[in-house]
Amino acid sequence: MASLPIFITAVANSADEPSFPLLFTWSTHDAEIKEVLVIPDDDWLHSATVEKNIQDINETQLYEFGYEAGDILAEWTSEFDTDAVYAIQPDELSLLVEATFDSKGLEPTFEVLNIFDWFEERGLDLHNEWASHGNPTPLELLPPDEQIASLLQIASENGLIEAPEREEDYD
């Protein structure tokens, strides 16, 4: 079986003028969801601030619980064996991914593509599918982990991916 696609989302420092990430959330090739706060690079804070955001993430939390860009990039390098990841808002996410790589003087090793196109290429209209579930909240307004879980669930329910079976843990 081919590995599952990587679905990714982020929370930016600003809703109006995003320039750096506060949080990245992504699915893995075995359908797990990972989430990490990002410690701001000093250069980022010279040109922008951490504004109020939908997740209520503040600068103190980033420094206390976050990871530096280099650590995040190392994890992506070991986990992403793909040249494409998929996002609901690919332009904004590309900017945040580029900022993360750029903070270490690197070029992105993958492209951020539109998740709606991924579903459409497989014969499914994501907007219609989401609406048919009776969900009143648009996908892009869900908390990041719920957004990724919803995308995985829709893909799985429609036979677009086959999530790996999990071993039962018997104590």
Protein backbone atom coordinates (compact mmCIF):
# COMPACT_ATOMS: atom_id res chain seq x y z
CA MET A 1 0.00 0.00 0.00
CA ALA A 2 1.25 3.48 -0.81
CA SER A 3 1.83 5.78 2.10
CA LEU A 4 -0.91 8.16 3.11
CA PRO A 5 -0.74 11.79 2.00
CA ILE A 6 0.41 14.43 4.48
CA PHE A 7 -2.34 16.91 5.40
CA ILE A 8 -1.02 20.03 7.14
CA THR A 9 -2.31 23.23 8.70
CA ALA A 10 -0.92 26.03 10.82
CA VAL A 11 -1.77 28.98 13.01
CA ALA A 12 0.01 32.15 11.91
CA ASN A 13 1.19 35.11 13.94
CA SER A 14 -1.50 37.29 12.34
CA ALA A 15 -4.80 36.62 10.62
CA ASP A 16 -4.46 39.74 8.46
CA GLU A 17 -0.76 39.67 7.60
CA PRO A 18 0.71 36.24 8.36
CA SER A 19 4.49 36.15 8.28
CA PHE A 20 5.53 33.32 10.60
CA PRO A 21 4.01 30.20 12.21
CA LEU A 22 2.93 29.78 15.80
CA LEU A 23 1.74 26.19 15.44
CA PHE A 24 1.95 23.43 12.84
CA THR A 25 -0.39 20.44 12.79
CA TRP A 26 0.01 17.58 10.31
CA SER A 27 -0.94 14.00 9.65
CA THR A 28 1.68 11.30 9.34
CA HIS A 29 1.88 8.49 6.81
CA ASP A 30 0.31 6.20 9.40
CA ALA A 31 -2.67 8.53 10.02
CA GLU A 32 -1.50 9.96 13.31
CA ILE A 33 -1.79 13.68 14.02
CA LYS A 34 1.18 15.69 15.26
CA GLU A 35 1.08 19.23 16.58
CA VAL A 36 3.93 21.51 17.57
CA LEU A 37 4.26 25.08 18.81
CA VAL A 38 7.00 27.07 17.10
CA ILE A 39 9.49 29.24 18.99
CA PRO A 40 9.69 32.49 16.99
CA ASP A 41 12.97 33.22 15.24
CA ASP A 42 14.48 36.51 16.43
CA ASP A 43 14.30 37.92 12.88
CA TRP A 44 10.57 37.20 12.72
CA LEU A 45 9.90 39.29 15.81
CA HIS A 46 11.85 42.25 14.37
CA SER A 47 9.28 42.66 11.61
CA ALA A 48 6.04 41.29 13.12
CA THR A 49 4.35 40.43 16.40
CA VAL A 50 2.28 37.59 17.82
CA GLU A 51 -1.29 38.86 17.57
CA LYS A 52 -4.42 37.48 19.19
CA ASN A 53 -5.38 34.28 17.37
CA ILE A 54 -8.17 31.73 17.30
CA GLN A 55 -6.11 29.27 19.39
CA ASP A 56 -5.21 31.90 22.03
CA ILE A 57 -1.51 31.10 21.60
CA ASN A 58 0.74 33.75 23.12
CA GLU A 59 4.45 34.41 22.95
CA THR A 60 5.07 33.05 26.46
CA GLN A 61 3.53 29.68 25.51
CA LEU A 62 5.71 29.52 22.42
CA TYR A 63 8.90 29.93 24.44
CA GLU A 64 7.78 27.59 27.23
CA PHE A 65 6.37 24.75 25.13
CA GLY A 66 7.56 25.36 21.57
CA TYR A 67 10.29 23.91 19.42
CA GLU A 68 12.84 25.73 17.35
CA ALA A 69 12.56 25.67 13.57
CA GLY A 70 15.60 23.41 13.23
CA ASP A 71 13.96 20.72 15.38
CA ILE A 72 10.75 20.91 13.38
CA LEU A 73 12.62 20.69 10.08
CA ALA A 74 14.57 17.67 11.33
CA GLU A 75 11.30 15.94 12.20
CA TRP A 76 9.77 16.79 8.82
CA THR A 77 12.88 15.52 7.05
CA SER A 78 12.66 12.18 8.86
CA GLU A 79 8.86 11.83 8.43
CA PHE A 80 7.99 13.36 5.06
CA ASP A 81 9.11 11.09 2.25
CA THR A 82 7.14 13.16 -0.23
CA ASP A 83 7.61 16.24 -2.36
CA ALA A 84 4.05 17.47 -1.70
CA VAL A 85 1.84 18.08 1.33
CA TYR A 86 -1.78 19.26 1.24
CA ALA A 87 -3.47 22.20 2.94
CA ILE A 88 -6.83 23.96 2.96
CA GLN A 89 -5.09 27.33 2.54
CA PRO A 90 -1.98 26.42 0.54
CA ASP A 91 -0.78 29.97 -0.20
CA GLU A 92 -0.73 31.00 3.45
CA LEU A 93 0.73 27.69 4.54
CA SER A 94 3.46 27.91 1.89
CA LEU A 95 4.47 31.27 3.32
CA LEU A 96 4.71 29.80 6.84
CA VAL A 97 6.64 26.74 5.67
CA GLU A 98 9.03 28.97 3.70
CA ALA A 99 9.58 31.18 6.76
CA THR A 100 10.46 28.10 8.81
CA PHE A 101 12.96 26.80 6.27
CA ASP A 102 14.33 30.29 5.61
CA SER A 103 15.09 30.81 9.31
CA LYS A 104 17.74 28.11 8.88
CA GLY A 105 18.91 29.32 5.45
CA LEU A 106 17.21 26.42 3.65
CA GLU A 107 14.79 26.02 0.77
CA PRO A 108 11.57 24.01 1.36
CA THR A 109 11.93 20.33 0.52
CA PHE A 110 8.26 19.93 -0.36
CA GLU A 111 5.51 21.89 -2.05
CA VAL A 112 2.23 22.81 -0.36
CA LEU A 113 -0.70 21.92 -2.63
CA ASN A 114 -4.43 22.54 -2.38
CA ILE A 115 -6.32 19.85 -0.44
CA PHE A 116 -9.49 20.56 -2.44
CA ASP A 117 -7.60 19.64 -5.62
CA TRP A 118 -6.36 16.40 -4.01
CA PHE A 119 -9.94 15.36 -3.23
CA GLU A 120 -11.21 16.53 -6.63
CA GLU A 121 -8.55 14.47 -8.45
CA ARG A 122 -10.04 11.48 -6.66
CA GLY A 123 -13.61 12.31 -7.67
CA LEU A 124 -14.79 13.97 -4.46
CA ASP A 125 -15.91 17.54 -3.86
CA LEU A 126 -14.63 18.30 -0.35
CA HIS A 127 -16.99 21.25 0.16
CA ASN A 128 -20.04 19.13 -0.69
CA GLU A 129 -18.82 16.17 1.35
CA TRP A 130 -18.24 18.37 4.41
CA ALA A 131 -21.68 19.98 4.01
CA SER A 132 -23.35 16.57 3.62
CA HIS A 133 -22.13 15.65 7.10
CA GLY A 134 -24.21 18.55 8.46
CA ASN A 135 -21.21 20.39 9.85
CA PRO A 136 -22.07 24.05 10.48
CA THR A 137 -18.45 25.16 10.94
CA PRO A 138 -16.36 25.58 7.78
CA LEU A 139 -13.34 23.26 7.71
CA GLU A 140 -10.89 26.17 7.71
CA LEU A 141 -12.34 27.46 11.03
CA LEU A 142 -11.94 24.19 12.93
CA PRO A 143 -9.11 23.89 15.46
CA PRO A 144 -6.03 22.54 13.64
CA ASP A 145 -6.13 19.02 15.07
CA GLU A 146 -9.87 18.69 14.32
CA GLN A 147 -9.29 19.99 10.80
CA ILE A 148 -6.67 17.32 10.08
CA ALA A 149 -8.75 14.58 11.75
CA SER A 150 -11.77 15.59 9.65
CA LEU A 151 -9.77 15.45 6.42
CA LEU A 152 -8.44 12.00 7.29
CA GLN A 153 -11.92 10.80 8.22
CA ILE A 154 -13.50 12.07 4.98
CA ALA A 155 -10.71 10.51 2.91
CA SER A 156 -11.05 7.21 4.75
CA GLU A 157 -14.88 7.10 4.65
CA ASN A 158 -14.77 7.63 0.90
CA GLY A 159 -12.14 4.95 0.28
CA LEU A 160 -9.49 7.45 -0.79
CA ILE A 161 -7.04 6.28 1.85
CA GLU A 162 -6.73 3.17 3.92
CA ALA A 163 -5.59 3.99 7.40
CA PRO A 164 -3.19 1.39 8.80
CA GLU A 165 -4.61 -0.99 11.32
CA ARG A 166 -3.58 -0.28 14.87
CA GLU A 167 -2.44 -3.08 17.14
CA GLU A 168 -4.64 -3.46 20.18
CA ASP A 169 -2.88 -2.92 23.47
CA TYR A 170 -3.94 -5.57 25.94
CA ASP A 171 -2.92 -5.09 29.56
